[in-house]
Amino acid sequence: IPEGIDGERVDSALTRVLGLSRTVIARLLESGEV
């Protein structure tokens, strides 16, 4: 995790860093894949 997103929610942070949609990130989190 870079300093620029320190303190953000993980779903928001990964959406920004990985370039994936919030829907995809939410699905990964719900499936225990993060």
All heavy atoms as atom14 arrays in JSON, in Angstrom:
{
  "sequence": "IPEGIDGERVDSALTRVLGLSRTVIARLLESGEV",
  "atom14_mask": [
    [1, 1, 1, 1, 1, 1, 1, 1, 0, 0, 0, 0, 0, 0],
    [1, 1, 1, 1, 1, 1, 1, 0, 0, 0, 0, 0, 0, 0],
    [1, 1, 1, 1, 1, 1, 1, 1, 1, 0, 0, 0, 0, 0],
    [1, 1, 1, 1, 0, 0, 0, 0, 0, 0, 0, 0, 0, 0],
    [1, 1, 1, 1, 1, 1, 1, 1, 0, 0, 0, 0, 0, 0],
    [1, 1, 1, 1, 1, 1, 1, 1, 0, 0, 0, 0, 0, 0],
    [1, 1, 1, 1, 0, 0, 0, 0, 0, 0, 0, 0, 0, 0],
    [1, 1, 1, 1, 1, 1, 1, 1, 1, 0, 0, 0, 0, 0],
    [1, 1, 1, 1, 1, 1, 1, 1, 1, 1, 1, 0, 0, 0],
    [1, 1, 1, 1, 1, 1, 1, 0, 0, 0, 0, 0, 0, 0],
    [1, 1, 1, 1, 1, 1, 1, 1, 0, 0, 0, 0, 0, 0],
    [1, 1, 1, 1, 1, 1, 0, 0, 0, 0, 0, 0, 0, 0],
    [1, 1, 1, 1, 1, 0, 0, 0, 0, 0, 0, 0, 0, 0],
    [1, 1, 1, 1, 1, 1, 1, 1, 0, 0, 0, 0, 0, 0],
    [1, 1, 1, 1, 1, 1, 1, 0, 0, 0, 0, 0, 0, 0],
    [1, 1, 1, 1, 1, 1, 1, 1, 1, 1, 1, 0, 0, 0],
    [1, 1, 1, 1, 1, 1, 1, 0, 0, 0, 0, 0, 0, 0],
    [1, 1, 1, 1, 1, 1, 1, 1, 0, 0, 0, 0, 0, 0],
    [1, 1, 1, 1, 0, 0, 0, 0, 0, 0, 0, 0, 0, 0],
    [1, 1, 1, 1, 1, 1, 1, 1, 0, 0, 0, 0, 0, 0],
    [1, 1, 1, 1, 1, 1, 0, 0, 0, 0, 0, 0, 0, 0],
    [1, 1, 1, 1, 1, 1, 1, 1, 1, 1, 1, 0, 0, 0],
    [1, 1, 1, 1, 1, 1, 1, 0, 0, 0, 0, 0, 0, 0],
    [1, 1, 1, 1, 1, 1, 1, 0, 0, 0, 0, 0, 0, 0],
    [1, 1, 1, 1, 1, 1, 1, 1, 0, 0, 0, 0, 0, 0],
    [1, 1, 1, 1, 1, 0, 0, 0, 0, 0, 0, 0, 0, 0],
    [1, 1, 1, 1, 1, 1, 1, 1, 1, 1, 1, 0, 0, 0],
    [1, 1, 1, 1, 1, 1, 1, 1, 0, 0, 0, 0, 0, 0],
    [1, 1, 1, 1, 1, 1, 1, 1, 0, 0, 0, 0, 0, 0],
    [1, 1, 1, 1, 1, 1, 1, 1, 1, 0, 0, 0, 0, 0],
    [1, 1, 1, 1, 1, 1, 0, 0, 0, 0, 0, 0, 0, 0],
    [1, 1, 1, 1, 0, 0, 0, 0, 0, 0, 0, 0, 0, 0],
    [1, 1, 1, 1, 1, 1, 1, 1, 1, 0, 0, 0, 0, 0],
    [1, 1, 1, 1, 1, 1, 1, 0, 0, 0, 0, 0, 0, 0]
  ],
  "atom14_positions": [
    [[0.83, -1.2, 0.0], [0.0, 0.0, 0.0], [0.88, 1.26, 0.0], [1.7, 1.44, 0.89], [-0.93, 0.02, 1.23], [-1.9, -1.17, 1.18], [-1.69, 1.34, 1.31], [-2.83, -1.17, -0.02], [0.0, 0.0, 0.0], [0.0, 0.0, 0.0], [0.0, 0.0, 0.0], [0.0, 0.0, 0.0], [0.0, 0.0, 0.0], [0.0, 0.0, 0.0]],
    [[0.71, 2.14, -1.0], [1.49, 3.38, -1.04], [0.96, 4.42, -0.06], [-0.19, 4.33, 0.4], [1.3, 3.85, -2.49], [-0.01, 3.28, -2.91], [-0.15, 1.97, -2.18], [0.0, 0.0, 0.0], [0.0, 0.0, 0.0], [0.0, 0.0, 0.0], [0.0, 0.0, 0.0], [0.0, 0.0, 0.0], [0.0, 0.0, 0.0], [0.0, 0.0, 0.0]],
    [[1.76, 5.42, 0.24], [1.38, 6.43, 1.22], [0.15, 7.23, 0.77], [-0.63, 7.7, 1.59], [2.55, 7.39, 1.46], [3.7, 6.77, 2.21], [4.77, 7.79, 2.56], [4.57, 8.97, 2.22], [5.79, 7.39, 3.14], [0.0, 0.0, 0.0], [0.0, 0.0, 0.0], [0.0, 0.0, 0.0], [0.0, 0.0, 0.0], [0.0, 0.0, 0.0]],
    [[-0.02, 7.36, -0.55], [-1.11, 8.18, -1.07], [-2.5, 7.7, -0.73], [-3.47, 8.47, -0.82], [0.0, 0.0, 0.0], [0.0, 0.0, 0.0], [0.0, 0.0, 0.0], [0.0, 0.0, 0.0], [0.0, 0.0, 0.0], [0.0, 0.0, 0.0], [0.0, 0.0, 0.0], [0.0, 0.0, 0.0], [0.0, 0.0, 0.0], [0.0, 0.0, 0.0]],
    [[-2.65, 6.42, -0.36], [-3.97, 5.9, -0.01], [-4.02, 5.41, 1.43], [-4.92, 4.67, 1.81], [-4.41, 4.78, -0.98], [-3.39, 3.63, -1.0], [-4.65, 5.32, -2.37], [-3.86, 2.43, -1.82], [0.0, 0.0, 0.0], [0.0, 0.0, 0.0], [0.0, 0.0, 0.0], [0.0, 0.0, 0.0], [0.0, 0.0, 0.0], [0.0, 0.0, 0.0]],
    [[-3.06, 5.84, 2.23], [-3.04, 5.47, 3.65], [-4.34, 5.92, 4.33], [-4.78, 7.07, 4.18], [-1.86, 6.15, 4.34], [-1.76, 5.78, 5.81], [-1.61, 4.6, 6.12], [-1.88, 6.7, 6.65], [0.0, 0.0, 0.0], [0.0, 0.0, 0.0], [0.0, 0.0, 0.0], [0.0, 0.0, 0.0], [0.0, 0.0, 0.0], [0.0, 0.0, 0.0]],
    [[-4.99, 4.99, 5.02], [-6.2, 5.3, 5.76], [-7.49, 5.11, 4.99], [-8.58, 5.22, 5.55], [0.0, 0.0, 0.0], [0.0, 0.0, 0.0], [0.0, 0.0, 0.0], [0.0, 0.0, 0.0], [0.0, 0.0, 0.0], [0.0, 0.0, 0.0], [0.0, 0.0, 0.0], [0.0, 0.0, 0.0], [0.0, 0.0, 0.0], [0.0, 0.0, 0.0]],
    [[-7.42, 4.8, 3.69], [-8.63, 4.59, 2.91], [-9.21, 3.2, 3.18], [-8.52, 2.28, 3.62], [-8.34, 4.71, 1.41], [-8.15, 6.12, 0.92], [-8.26, 6.22, -0.6], [-8.82, 5.31, -1.23], [-7.77, 7.23, -1.15], [0.0, 0.0, 0.0], [0.0, 0.0, 0.0], [0.0, 0.0, 0.0], [0.0, 0.0, 0.0], [0.0, 0.0, 0.0]],
    [[-10.51, 3.06, 2.91], [-11.13, 1.73, 2.96], [-10.48, 0.85, 1.9], [-10.1, 1.31, 0.83], [-12.63, 1.84, 2.68], [-13.46, 2.36, 3.83], [-14.85, 2.7, 3.35], [-15.43, 1.63, 2.54], [-16.45, 0.86, 2.91], [-17.01, 1.04, 4.09], [-16.93, -0.06, 2.11], [0.0, 0.0, 0.0], [0.0, 0.0, 0.0], [0.0, 0.0, 0.0]],
    [[-10.37, -0.44, 2.19], [-9.68, -1.33, 1.28], [-10.38, -1.43, -0.08], [-9.72, -1.51, -1.12], [-9.5, -2.74, 1.91], [-10.84, -3.41, 2.17], [-8.63, -3.63, 1.01], [0.0, 0.0, 0.0], [0.0, 0.0, 0.0], [0.0, 0.0, 0.0], [0.0, 0.0, 0.0], [0.0, 0.0, 0.0], [0.0, 0.0, 0.0], [0.0, 0.0, 0.0]],
    [[-11.73, -1.38, -0.1], [-12.41, -1.49, -1.39], [-12.12, -0.28, -2.27], [-11.85, -0.39, -3.46], [-13.92, -1.7, -1.23], [-14.58, -0.65, -0.35], [-13.88, 0.18, 0.26], [-15.83, -0.67, -0.25], [0.0, 0.0, 0.0], [0.0, 0.0, 0.0], [0.0, 0.0, 0.0], [0.0, 0.0, 0.0], [0.0, 0.0, 0.0], [0.0, 0.0, 0.0]],
    [[-12.12, 0.91, -1.67], [-11.81, 2.13, -2.42], [-10.35, 2.15, -2.86], [-10.03, 2.51, -4.0], [-12.13, 3.35, -1.56], [-11.73, 4.54, -2.2], [0.0, 0.0, 0.0], [0.0, 0.0, 0.0], [0.0, 0.0, 0.0], [0.0, 0.0, 0.0], [0.0, 0.0, 0.0], [0.0, 0.0, 0.0], [0.0, 0.0, 0.0], [0.0, 0.0, 0.0]],
    [[-9.46, 1.76, -1.96], [-8.03, 1.78, -2.25], [-7.68, 0.84, -3.41], [-6.95, 1.23, -4.33], [-7.24, 1.39, -1.0], [0.0, 0.0, 0.0], [0.0, 0.0, 0.0], [0.0, 0.0, 0.0], [0.0, 0.0, 0.0], [0.0, 0.0, 0.0], [0.0, 0.0, 0.0], [0.0, 0.0, 0.0], [0.0, 0.0, 0.0], [0.0, 0.0, 0.0]],
    [[-8.22, -0.37, -3.39], [-7.9, -1.33, -4.44], [-8.52, -0.92, -5.77], [-7.95, -1.18, -6.84], [-8.37, -2.73, -4.04], [-7.63, -3.36, -2.85], [-8.12, -4.78, -2.6], [-6.12, -3.36, -3.08], [0.0, 0.0, 0.0], [0.0, 0.0, 0.0], [0.0, 0.0, 0.0], [0.0, 0.0, 0.0], [0.0, 0.0, 0.0], [0.0, 0.0, 0.0]],
    [[-9.7, -0.28, -5.72], [-10.31, 0.21, -6.96], [-9.38, 1.2, -7.64], [-9.18, 1.17, -8.85], [-11.66, 0.88, -6.65], [-12.56, -0.09, -6.12], [-12.27, 1.47, -7.91], [0.0, 0.0, 0.0], [0.0, 0.0, 0.0], [0.0, 0.0, 0.0], [0.0, 0.0, 0.0], [0.0, 0.0, 0.0], [0.0, 0.0, 0.0], [0.0, 0.0, 0.0]],
    [[-8.78, 2.09, -6.85], [-7.89, 3.11, -7.41], [-6.57, 2.52, -7.89], [-6.09, 2.84, -8.98], [-7.61, 4.17, -6.35], [-8.81, 5.05, -6.03], [-8.5, 6.01, -4.91], [-7.35, 6.86, -5.22], [-6.82, 7.73, -4.38], [-7.34, 7.86, -3.17], [-5.79, 8.47, -4.72], [0.0, 0.0, 0.0], [0.0, 0.0, 0.0], [0.0, 0.0, 0.0]],
    [[-5.98, 1.64, -7.1], [-4.65, 1.13, -7.42], [-4.67, 0.11, -8.55], [-3.81, 0.12, -9.44], [-4.0, 0.52, -6.16], [-2.67, -0.16, -6.52], [-3.76, 1.6, -5.13], [0.0, 0.0, 0.0], [0.0, 0.0, 0.0], [0.0, 0.0, 0.0], [0.0, 0.0, 0.0], [0.0, 0.0, 0.0], [0.0, 0.0, 0.0], [0.0, 0.0, 0.0]],
    [[-5.66, -0.78, -8.53], [-5.69, -1.87, -9.5], [-6.42, -1.52, -10.79], [-6.31, -2.22, -11.8], [-6.35, -3.11, -8.88], [-5.62, -3.7, -7.67], [-6.41, -4.87, -7.1], [-4.21, -4.15, -8.05], [0.0, 0.0, 0.0], [0.0, 0.0, 0.0], [0.0, 0.0, 0.0], [0.0, 0.0, 0.0], [0.0, 0.0, 0.0], [0.0, 0.0, 0.0]],
    [[-7.22, -0.43, -10.77], [-7.96, -0.05, -11.97], [-9.15, -0.93, -12.25], [-9.72, -0.89, -13.35], [0.0, 0.0, 0.0], [0.0, 0.0, 0.0], [0.0, 0.0, 0.0], [0.0, 0.0, 0.0], [0.0, 0.0, 0.0], [0.0, 0.0, 0.0], [0.0, 0.0, 0.0], [0.0, 0.0, 0.0], [0.0, 0.0, 0.0], [0.0, 0.0, 0.0]],
    [[-9.56, -1.75, -11.28], [-10.75, -2.58, -11.43], [-11.97, -1.84, -10.9], [-11.84, -0.9, -10.12], [-10.57, -3.9, -10.67], [-9.41, -4.8, -11.11], [-9.27, -5.98, -10.16], [-9.62, -5.29, -12.54], [0.0, 0.0, 0.0], [0.0, 0.0, 0.0], [0.0, 0.0, 0.0], [0.0, 0.0, 0.0], [0.0, 0.0, 0.0], [0.0, 0.0, 0.0]],
    [[-13.16, -2.25, -11.31], [-14.37, -1.59, -10.85], [-14.64, -1.94, -9.39], [-14.17, -2.96, -8.87], [-15.57, -2.01, -11.7], [-15.95, -3.33, -11.4], [0.0, 0.0, 0.0], [0.0, 0.0, 0.0], [0.0, 0.0, 0.0], [0.0, 0.0, 0.0], [0.0, 0.0, 0.0], [0.0, 0.0, 0.0], [0.0, 0.0, 0.0], [0.0, 0.0, 0.0]],
    [[-15.41, -1.07, -8.71], [-15.77, -1.33, -7.32], [-16.56, -2.64, -7.19], [-16.47, -3.35, -6.18], [-16.58, -0.16, -6.75], [-16.81, -0.24, -5.25], [-17.58, 0.96, -4.77], [-16.78, 2.17, -4.76], [-16.08, 2.57, -3.71], [-16.07, 1.87, -2.6], [-15.38, 3.7, -3.75], [0.0, 0.0, 0.0], [0.0, 0.0, 0.0], [0.0, 0.0, 0.0]],
    [[-17.36, -2.95, -8.24], [-18.13, -4.19, -8.22], [-17.22, -5.41, -8.17], [-17.44, -6.34, -7.4], [-19.02, -4.28, -9.48], [-19.87, -3.14, -9.54], [-19.87, -5.54, -9.45], [0.0, 0.0, 0.0], [0.0, 0.0, 0.0], [0.0, 0.0, 0.0], [0.0, 0.0, 0.0], [0.0, 0.0, 0.0], [0.0, 0.0, 0.0], [0.0, 0.0, 0.0]],
    [[-16.17, -5.41, -9.0], [-15.23, -6.54, -9.04], [-14.48, -6.65, -7.71], [-14.33, -7.74, -7.16], [-14.25, -6.38, -10.21], [-13.13, -7.42, -10.13], [-14.98, -6.5, -11.53], [0.0, 0.0, 0.0], [0.0, 0.0, 0.0], [0.0, 0.0, 0.0], [0.0, 0.0, 0.0], [0.0, 0.0, 0.0], [0.0, 0.0, 0.0], [0.0, 0.0, 0.0]],
    [[-14.02, -5.51, -7.18], [-13.31, -5.52, -5.9], [-14.21, -6.05, -4.79], [-13.78, -6.86, -3.95], [-12.8, -4.11, -5.55], [-11.75, -3.64, -6.57], [-12.23, -4.08, -4.14], [-10.5, -4.5, -6.62], [0.0, 0.0, 0.0], [0.0, 0.0, 0.0], [0.0, 0.0, 0.0], [0.0, 0.0, 0.0], [0.0, 0.0, 0.0], [0.0, 0.0, 0.0]],
    [[-15.47, -5.62, -4.78], [-16.41, -6.09, -3.76], [-16.58, -7.6, -3.84], [-16.65, -8.3, -2.82], [-17.75, -5.39, -3.91], [0.0, 0.0, 0.0], [0.0, 0.0, 0.0], [0.0, 0.0, 0.0], [0.0, 0.0, 0.0], [0.0, 0.0, 0.0], [0.0, 0.0, 0.0], [0.0, 0.0, 0.0], [0.0, 0.0, 0.0], [0.0, 0.0, 0.0]],
    [[-16.64, -8.11, -5.06], [-16.81, -9.56, -5.26], [-15.6, -10.32, -4.73], [-15.73, -11.38, -4.1], [-17.04, -9.85, -6.75], [-17.47, -11.28, -7.04], [-17.71, -11.47, -8.52], [-18.75, -10.56, -9.01], [-18.61, -9.77, -10.06], [-17.49, -9.74, -10.74], [-19.6, -8.99, -10.44], [0.0, 0.0, 0.0], [0.0, 0.0, 0.0], [0.0, 0.0, 0.0]],
    [[-14.4, -9.79, -4.97], [-13.18, -10.43, -4.48], [-13.14, -10.43, -2.95], [-12.77, -11.43, -2.33], [-11.95, -9.72, -5.03], [-11.7, -9.8, -6.54], [-10.5, -8.96, -6.93], [-11.49, -11.25, -6.99], [0.0, 0.0, 0.0], [0.0, 0.0, 0.0], [0.0, 0.0, 0.0], [0.0, 0.0, 0.0], [0.0, 0.0, 0.0], [0.0, 0.0, 0.0]],
    [[-13.53, -9.33, -2.35], [-13.55, -9.24, -0.89], [-14.57, -10.2, -0.29], [-14.3, -10.89, 0.7], [-13.85, -7.8, -0.46], [-12.7, -6.8, -0.63], [-13.21, -5.37, -0.63], [-11.65, -6.99, 0.46], [0.0, 0.0, 0.0], [0.0, 0.0, 0.0], [0.0, 0.0, 0.0], [0.0, 0.0, 0.0], [0.0, 0.0, 0.0], [0.0, 0.0, 0.0]],
    [[-15.76, -10.24, -0.89], [-16.81, -11.14, -0.38], [-16.41, -12.6, -0.51], [-16.84, -13.44, 0.29], [-18.11, -10.88, -1.14], [-18.75, -9.53, -0.81], [-19.84, -9.15, -1.79], [-20.11, -9.95, -2.72], [-20.43, -8.06, -1.63], [0.0, 0.0, 0.0], [0.0, 0.0, 0.0], [0.0, 0.0, 0.0], [0.0, 0.0, 0.0], [0.0, 0.0, 0.0]],
    [[-15.58, -12.91, -1.49], [-15.14, -14.3, -1.71], [-13.89, -14.66, -0.92], [-13.37, -15.76, -1.05], [-14.88, -14.54, -3.21], [-16.04, -14.27, -3.98], [0.0, 0.0, 0.0], [0.0, 0.0, 0.0], [0.0, 0.0, 0.0], [0.0, 0.0, 0.0], [0.0, 0.0, 0.0], [0.0, 0.0, 0.0], [0.0, 0.0, 0.0], [0.0, 0.0, 0.0]],
    [[-13.41, -13.72, -0.12], [-12.22, -13.99, 0.69], [-10.94, -14.04, -0.1], [-9.96, -14.67, 0.32], [0.0, 0.0, 0.0], [0.0, 0.0, 0.0], [0.0, 0.0, 0.0], [0.0, 0.0, 0.0], [0.0, 0.0, 0.0], [0.0, 0.0, 0.0], [0.0, 0.0, 0.0], [0.0, 0.0, 0.0], [0.0, 0.0, 0.0], [0.0, 0.0, 0.0]],
    [[-10.91, -13.36, -1.27], [-9.76, -13.43, -2.16], [-8.84, -12.22, -2.03], [-7.95, -11.99, -2.84], [-10.24, -13.61, -3.61], [-10.94, -14.97, -3.78], [-11.66, -15.11, -5.1], [-11.92, -14.08, -5.75], [-11.97, -16.24, -5.48], [0.0, 0.0, 0.0], [0.0, 0.0, 0.0], [0.0, 0.0, 0.0], [0.0, 0.0, 0.0], [0.0, 0.0, 0.0]],
    [[-9.07, -11.43, -0.97], [-8.17, -10.32, -0.63], [-7.76, -10.54, 0.82], [-8.61, -10.63, 1.71], [-8.88, -8.96, -0.78], [-7.94, -7.84, -0.37], [-9.36, -8.76, -2.22], [0.0, 0.0, 0.0], [0.0, 0.0, 0.0], [0.0, 0.0, 0.0], [0.0, 0.0, 0.0], [0.0, 0.0, 0.0], [0.0, 0.0, 0.0], [0.0, 0.0, 0.0]]
  ]
}
